[in-house]
């Protein structure tokens, strides 16, 4: 059973940066894709970025050029570097682990079966 713990959220002004981290415990995730989702109030949970076991990435159009997902398999950790933040990036951010190993990055939440507790990101204008 994999457990995920996110950190790094907070309050930042528009144009600022934050770096989210997600550490997996009780198991290795190196052969699984991982992703960051976000859910704003009253909105559906959406994938903002995903990274495969081999490092291939997917980004939502809304964050391309501003967010970077990366992983450190030695630390069982995935990161989300968020630059040029906008008020519309405000949401609870969740990391997740793909339910199937050794495949390209997935963007549908139904393809992930382990989730962190979420970390709040608030961007003020």
N, C-alpha and C. Protein backbone atom coordinates (compact mmCIF):
# COMPACT_ATOMS: atom_id res chain seq x y z
N UNK A 1 0.84 -1.19 0.00
CA UNK A 1 0.00 0.00 0.00
C UNK A 1 0.88 1.25 0.00
N UNK A 2 0.78 2.02 -1.05
CA UNK A 2 1.58 3.24 -1.16
C UNK A 2 0.88 4.37 -0.43
N UNK A 3 1.64 5.14 0.31
CA UNK A 3 1.13 6.36 0.93
C UNK A 3 1.87 7.55 0.34
N UNK A 4 1.12 8.59 0.05
CA UNK A 4 1.68 9.79 -0.57
C UNK A 4 1.49 10.97 0.36
N UNK A 5 2.54 11.75 0.52
CA UNK A 5 2.49 12.94 1.37
C UNK A 5 2.96 14.14 0.56
N UNK A 6 2.05 15.10 0.35
CA UNK A 6 2.41 16.31 -0.39
C UNK A 6 2.87 17.40 0.57
N UNK A 7 3.68 18.29 0.03
CA UNK A 7 4.09 19.47 0.79
C UNK A 7 4.46 20.58 -0.20
N UNK A 8 4.55 21.79 0.34
CA UNK A 8 5.01 22.92 -0.48
C UNK A 8 3.95 23.90 -0.89
N UNK A 9 2.69 23.62 -0.57
CA UNK A 9 1.64 24.58 -0.91
C UNK A 9 1.72 25.82 -0.04
N UNK A 10 0.88 26.79 -0.39
CA UNK A 10 0.86 28.03 0.39
C UNK A 10 0.22 29.15 -0.36
N UNK A 11 0.43 30.36 0.17
CA UNK A 11 -0.11 31.58 -0.42
C UNK A 11 1.01 32.33 -1.12
N UNK A 12 0.76 32.73 -2.36
CA UNK A 12 1.77 33.44 -3.14
C UNK A 12 1.07 34.49 -3.99
N UNK A 13 1.77 35.56 -4.28
CA UNK A 13 1.22 36.58 -5.16
C UNK A 13 1.31 36.16 -6.62
N UNK A 14 0.44 36.70 -7.42
CA UNK A 14 0.48 36.42 -8.86
C UNK A 14 1.87 36.75 -9.41
N UNK A 15 2.35 35.85 -10.26
CA UNK A 15 3.70 36.00 -10.81
C UNK A 15 4.76 35.27 -10.02
N UNK A 16 4.40 34.82 -8.84
CA UNK A 16 5.36 34.13 -7.99
C UNK A 16 5.50 32.65 -8.34
N UNK A 17 6.27 31.95 -7.50
CA UNK A 17 6.58 30.54 -7.75
C UNK A 17 6.38 29.72 -6.47
N UNK A 18 6.06 28.46 -6.68
CA UNK A 18 6.01 27.48 -5.61
C UNK A 18 6.52 26.15 -6.15
N UNK A 19 7.04 25.34 -5.26
CA UNK A 19 7.47 24.00 -5.62
C UNK A 19 6.77 22.99 -4.71
N UNK A 20 5.99 22.14 -5.33
CA UNK A 20 5.31 21.09 -4.58
C UNK A 20 6.13 19.81 -4.61
N UNK A 21 6.09 19.08 -3.52
CA UNK A 21 6.75 17.78 -3.43
C UNK A 21 5.75 16.73 -3.00
N UNK A 22 5.97 15.52 -3.47
CA UNK A 22 5.11 14.40 -3.09
C UNK A 22 6.01 13.19 -2.86
N UNK A 23 6.09 12.77 -1.62
CA UNK A 23 6.93 11.64 -1.25
C UNK A 23 6.07 10.40 -1.06
N UNK A 24 6.50 9.32 -1.68
CA UNK A 24 5.79 8.05 -1.56
C UNK A 24 6.49 7.18 -0.53
N UNK A 25 5.72 6.59 0.34
CA UNK A 25 6.28 5.69 1.34
C UNK A 25 5.61 4.33 1.23
N UNK A 26 6.17 3.39 1.93
CA UNK A 26 5.64 2.03 1.93
C UNK A 26 5.55 1.43 0.54
N UNK A 27 6.64 1.49 -0.18
CA UNK A 27 6.65 0.89 -1.51
C UNK A 27 7.39 1.77 -2.48
N UNK A 28 7.75 1.20 -3.60
CA UNK A 28 8.46 1.96 -4.61
C UNK A 28 7.53 2.31 -5.75
N UNK A 29 7.72 3.48 -6.29
CA UNK A 29 6.87 3.92 -7.39
C UNK A 29 7.67 4.11 -8.68
N UNK A 30 8.91 3.63 -8.69
CA UNK A 30 9.79 3.96 -9.82
C UNK A 30 9.31 3.38 -11.14
N UNK A 31 8.48 2.33 -11.13
CA UNK A 31 8.00 1.75 -12.39
C UNK A 31 6.59 2.25 -12.73
N UNK A 32 6.13 3.21 -11.94
CA UNK A 32 4.78 3.74 -12.16
C UNK A 32 4.84 5.23 -12.54
N UNK A 33 3.90 5.61 -13.40
CA UNK A 33 3.75 7.03 -13.67
C UNK A 33 3.15 7.73 -12.46
N UNK A 34 3.41 9.02 -12.38
CA UNK A 34 2.85 9.83 -11.33
C UNK A 34 2.33 11.12 -11.93
N UNK A 35 1.44 11.76 -11.20
CA UNK A 35 0.81 12.96 -11.75
C UNK A 35 0.43 13.92 -10.64
N UNK A 36 0.23 15.16 -11.06
CA UNK A 36 -0.34 16.18 -10.20
C UNK A 36 -1.70 16.57 -10.78
N UNK A 37 -2.69 16.53 -9.92
CA UNK A 37 -4.03 17.00 -10.26
C UNK A 37 -4.34 18.22 -9.40
N UNK A 38 -5.34 18.96 -9.81
CA UNK A 38 -5.81 20.05 -8.96
C UNK A 38 -7.32 20.12 -9.03
N UNK A 39 -7.88 20.63 -7.94
CA UNK A 39 -9.32 20.79 -7.88
C UNK A 39 -9.65 22.12 -7.23
N UNK A 40 -10.20 23.02 -8.03
CA UNK A 40 -10.65 24.30 -7.52
C UNK A 40 -12.07 24.15 -6.98
N UNK A 41 -12.47 25.09 -6.16
CA UNK A 41 -13.80 25.04 -5.55
C UNK A 41 -14.87 24.96 -6.63
N UNK A 42 -15.75 23.95 -6.51
CA UNK A 42 -16.83 23.79 -7.45
C UNK A 42 -16.45 23.25 -8.82
N UNK A 43 -15.20 22.83 -8.96
CA UNK A 43 -14.71 22.35 -10.25
C UNK A 43 -14.37 20.86 -10.17
N UNK A 44 -14.26 20.27 -11.35
CA UNK A 44 -13.80 18.88 -11.43
C UNK A 44 -12.29 18.81 -11.16
N UNK A 45 -11.84 17.67 -10.67
CA UNK A 45 -10.41 17.46 -10.51
C UNK A 45 -9.79 17.25 -11.89
N UNK A 46 -8.73 17.99 -12.18
CA UNK A 46 -8.10 17.92 -13.50
C UNK A 46 -6.61 17.64 -13.36
N UNK A 47 -6.08 16.96 -14.37
CA UNK A 47 -4.65 16.68 -14.40
C UNK A 47 -3.91 17.90 -14.94
N UNK A 48 -2.94 18.38 -14.21
CA UNK A 48 -2.12 19.49 -14.71
C UNK A 48 -0.81 19.00 -15.29
N UNK A 49 -0.28 17.90 -14.76
CA UNK A 49 0.97 17.38 -15.29
C UNK A 49 1.12 15.93 -14.87
N UNK A 50 1.76 15.16 -15.73
CA UNK A 50 2.01 13.75 -15.44
C UNK A 50 3.38 13.38 -15.97
N UNK A 51 4.01 12.41 -15.33
CA UNK A 51 5.32 11.93 -15.76
C UNK A 51 5.32 10.42 -15.72
N UNK A 52 5.80 9.80 -16.78
CA UNK A 52 5.84 8.35 -16.85
C UNK A 52 7.02 7.81 -16.04
N UNK A 53 7.10 6.48 -15.93
CA UNK A 53 8.22 5.85 -15.24
C UNK A 53 9.55 6.22 -15.88
N UNK A 54 9.53 6.48 -17.21
CA UNK A 54 10.76 6.75 -17.96
C UNK A 54 11.04 8.24 -18.11
N UNK A 55 10.14 9.09 -17.58
CA UNK A 55 10.40 10.52 -17.63
C UNK A 55 9.64 11.28 -18.71
N UNK A 56 8.85 10.61 -19.51
CA UNK A 56 8.01 11.32 -20.48
C UNK A 56 6.93 12.11 -19.72
N UNK A 57 6.59 13.26 -20.28
CA UNK A 57 5.69 14.14 -19.55
C UNK A 57 4.47 14.54 -20.36
N UNK A 58 3.45 14.92 -19.62
CA UNK A 58 2.23 15.51 -20.18
C UNK A 58 1.92 16.76 -19.37
N UNK A 59 1.48 17.81 -20.06
CA UNK A 59 1.05 19.04 -19.38
C UNK A 59 -0.29 19.50 -19.95
N UNK A 60 -1.14 19.96 -19.08
CA UNK A 60 -2.36 20.61 -19.54
C UNK A 60 -1.99 21.92 -20.24
N UNK A 61 -2.78 22.29 -21.22
CA UNK A 61 -2.49 23.51 -21.98
C UNK A 61 -2.39 24.73 -21.07
N UNK A 62 -3.18 24.75 -20.02
CA UNK A 62 -3.24 25.92 -19.15
C UNK A 62 -1.95 26.15 -18.36
N UNK A 63 -1.08 25.14 -18.27
CA UNK A 63 0.13 25.29 -17.47
C UNK A 63 1.40 25.12 -18.29
N UNK A 64 1.28 24.79 -19.56
CA UNK A 64 2.47 24.61 -20.40
C UNK A 64 3.34 25.85 -20.39
N UNK A 65 4.63 25.63 -20.21
CA UNK A 65 5.57 26.74 -20.20
C UNK A 65 5.72 27.39 -18.83
N UNK A 66 4.85 27.03 -17.90
CA UNK A 66 4.91 27.62 -16.55
C UNK A 66 5.22 26.57 -15.48
N UNK A 67 4.70 25.37 -15.64
CA UNK A 67 4.88 24.30 -14.67
C UNK A 67 5.84 23.25 -15.21
N UNK A 68 6.60 22.63 -14.32
CA UNK A 68 7.49 21.54 -14.69
C UNK A 68 7.35 20.41 -13.69
N UNK A 69 7.07 19.22 -14.20
CA UNK A 69 6.99 18.04 -13.35
C UNK A 69 8.30 17.27 -13.48
N UNK A 70 8.76 16.73 -12.37
CA UNK A 70 9.98 15.94 -12.39
C UNK A 70 9.88 14.88 -11.29
N UNK A 71 10.75 13.89 -11.38
CA UNK A 71 10.74 12.84 -10.39
C UNK A 71 12.15 12.44 -10.02
N UNK A 72 12.30 12.00 -8.79
CA UNK A 72 13.56 11.48 -8.29
C UNK A 72 13.26 10.08 -7.76
N UNK A 73 13.57 9.09 -8.56
CA UNK A 73 13.21 7.72 -8.17
C UNK A 73 13.98 7.24 -6.96
N UNK A 74 15.17 7.75 -6.78
CA UNK A 74 15.96 7.35 -5.60
C UNK A 74 15.28 7.80 -4.31
N UNK A 75 14.53 8.88 -4.40
CA UNK A 75 13.83 9.41 -3.23
C UNK A 75 12.34 9.10 -3.25
N UNK A 76 11.89 8.37 -4.28
CA UNK A 76 10.46 8.04 -4.37
C UNK A 76 9.60 9.31 -4.31
N UNK A 77 10.07 10.34 -5.01
CA UNK A 77 9.43 11.65 -4.89
C UNK A 77 9.17 12.25 -6.27
N UNK A 78 8.04 12.94 -6.39
CA UNK A 78 7.73 13.69 -7.60
C UNK A 78 7.54 15.15 -7.20
N UNK A 79 7.94 16.04 -8.10
CA UNK A 79 7.90 17.47 -7.82
C UNK A 79 7.06 18.19 -8.88
N UNK A 80 6.54 19.33 -8.50
CA UNK A 80 5.87 20.21 -9.45
C UNK A 80 6.38 21.63 -9.19
N UNK A 81 7.22 22.10 -10.10
CA UNK A 81 7.70 23.49 -10.03
C UNK A 81 6.69 24.37 -10.75
N UNK A 82 6.15 25.34 -10.05
CA UNK A 82 5.12 26.21 -10.61
C UNK A 82 5.64 27.64 -10.64
N UNK A 83 5.79 28.17 -11.83
CA UNK A 83 6.26 29.55 -12.02
C UNK A 83 5.16 30.40 -12.65
N UNK A 84 5.35 31.69 -12.59
CA UNK A 84 4.40 32.65 -13.18
C UNK A 84 2.97 32.31 -12.78
N UNK A 85 2.77 32.09 -11.51
CA UNK A 85 1.46 31.67 -11.03
C UNK A 85 0.40 32.74 -11.25
N UNK A 86 -0.81 32.26 -11.50
CA UNK A 86 -1.95 33.12 -11.76
C UNK A 86 -3.06 32.83 -10.74
N UNK A 87 -3.93 33.77 -10.50
CA UNK A 87 -5.04 33.50 -9.56
C UNK A 87 -5.85 32.27 -9.94
N UNK A 88 -5.96 31.99 -11.23
CA UNK A 88 -6.73 30.82 -11.65
C UNK A 88 -6.03 29.50 -11.36
N UNK A 89 -4.79 29.56 -10.88
CA UNK A 89 -4.10 28.34 -10.45
C UNK A 89 -4.49 27.96 -9.02
N UNK A 90 -5.25 28.79 -8.36
CA UNK A 90 -5.68 28.51 -7.00
C UNK A 90 -6.53 27.24 -6.95
N UNK A 91 -6.11 26.30 -6.11
CA UNK A 91 -6.79 25.00 -6.01
C UNK A 91 -6.10 24.16 -4.94
N UNK A 92 -6.72 23.03 -4.64
CA UNK A 92 -6.03 22.00 -3.87
C UNK A 92 -5.32 21.10 -4.87
N UNK A 93 -4.05 20.88 -4.65
CA UNK A 93 -3.24 20.08 -5.55
C UNK A 93 -3.00 18.71 -4.92
N UNK A 94 -3.20 17.67 -5.74
CA UNK A 94 -3.05 16.29 -5.30
C UNK A 94 -2.03 15.58 -6.17
N UNK A 95 -1.20 14.74 -5.56
CA UNK A 95 -0.38 13.85 -6.38
C UNK A 95 -1.03 12.47 -6.38
N UNK A 96 -0.68 11.69 -7.41
CA UNK A 96 -1.30 10.39 -7.58
C UNK A 96 -0.34 9.45 -8.30
N UNK A 97 -0.58 8.16 -8.10
CA UNK A 97 0.23 7.11 -8.71
C UNK A 97 -0.63 6.30 -9.69
N UNK A 98 -0.09 6.10 -10.88
CA UNK A 98 -0.77 5.32 -11.92
C UNK A 98 -1.07 3.90 -11.42
N UNK A 99 -2.21 3.39 -11.81
CA UNK A 99 -2.58 2.06 -11.35
C UNK A 99 -1.91 0.95 -12.16
N UNK A 100 -1.32 1.32 -13.30
CA UNK A 100 -0.64 0.34 -14.16
C UNK A 100 0.79 0.82 -14.38
N UNK A 101 1.72 -0.10 -14.31
CA UNK A 101 3.13 0.27 -14.46
C UNK A 101 3.54 0.33 -15.93
N UNK A 102 4.69 0.95 -16.15
CA UNK A 102 5.41 0.89 -17.42
C UNK A 102 4.58 1.32 -18.64
N UNK A 103 3.96 2.48 -18.54
CA UNK A 103 3.20 2.98 -19.68
C UNK A 103 3.35 4.51 -19.75
N UNK A 104 2.92 5.12 -20.87
CA UNK A 104 3.05 6.58 -21.01
C UNK A 104 2.25 7.33 -19.94
N UNK A 105 2.54 8.62 -19.79
CA UNK A 105 1.80 9.40 -18.78
C UNK A 105 0.31 9.46 -19.10
N UNK A 106 -0.48 9.31 -18.05
CA UNK A 106 -1.95 9.29 -18.19
C UNK A 106 -2.53 10.58 -17.61
N UNK A 107 -3.62 11.05 -18.21
CA UNK A 107 -4.22 12.29 -17.71
C UNK A 107 -5.62 12.12 -17.14
N UNK A 108 -6.17 10.91 -17.19
CA UNK A 108 -7.50 10.67 -16.63
C UNK A 108 -7.38 10.24 -15.17
N UNK A 109 -8.16 10.85 -14.30
CA UNK A 109 -8.05 10.53 -12.88
C UNK A 109 -8.44 9.08 -12.60
N UNK A 110 -9.24 8.47 -13.46
CA UNK A 110 -9.62 7.08 -13.26
C UNK A 110 -8.44 6.12 -13.43
N UNK A 111 -7.33 6.60 -14.00
CA UNK A 111 -6.15 5.76 -14.21
C UNK A 111 -5.20 5.78 -13.01
N UNK A 112 -5.59 6.46 -11.95
CA UNK A 112 -4.73 6.57 -10.78
C UNK A 112 -5.46 6.00 -9.57
N UNK A 113 -4.72 5.22 -8.77
CA UNK A 113 -5.41 4.58 -7.65
C UNK A 113 -4.82 4.89 -6.29
N UNK A 114 -3.74 5.64 -6.22
CA UNK A 114 -3.24 6.12 -4.93
C UNK A 114 -3.17 7.63 -4.99
N UNK A 115 -3.67 8.27 -3.95
CA UNK A 115 -3.77 9.73 -3.92
C UNK A 115 -3.22 10.27 -2.61
N UNK A 116 -2.61 11.43 -2.69
CA UNK A 116 -2.22 12.13 -1.48
C UNK A 116 -3.40 12.86 -0.89
N UNK A 117 -3.14 13.53 0.24
CA UNK A 117 -4.21 14.21 0.96
C UNK A 117 -4.50 15.60 0.41
N UNK A 118 -3.62 16.09 -0.44
CA UNK A 118 -3.82 17.40 -1.05
C UNK A 118 -3.11 18.51 -0.31
N UNK A 119 -2.68 19.52 -1.05
CA UNK A 119 -2.06 20.70 -0.47
C UNK A 119 -2.65 21.93 -1.15
N UNK A 120 -3.00 22.92 -0.35
CA UNK A 120 -3.67 24.10 -0.88
C UNK A 120 -2.66 25.07 -1.49
N UNK A 121 -2.97 25.53 -2.69
CA UNK A 121 -2.21 26.60 -3.34
C UNK A 121 -3.17 27.76 -3.58
N UNK A 122 -2.81 28.91 -3.07
CA UNK A 122 -3.63 30.10 -3.24
C UNK A 122 -2.78 31.19 -3.86
N UNK A 123 -3.24 31.73 -4.99
CA UNK A 123 -2.53 32.78 -5.68
C UNK A 123 -3.37 34.05 -5.61
N UNK A 124 -2.82 35.07 -4.99
CA UNK A 124 -3.55 36.34 -4.85
C UNK A 124 -3.20 37.27 -6.00
N UNK A 125 -4.17 38.09 -6.36
CA UNK A 125 -3.96 39.01 -7.49
C UNK A 125 -3.40 40.34 -7.02
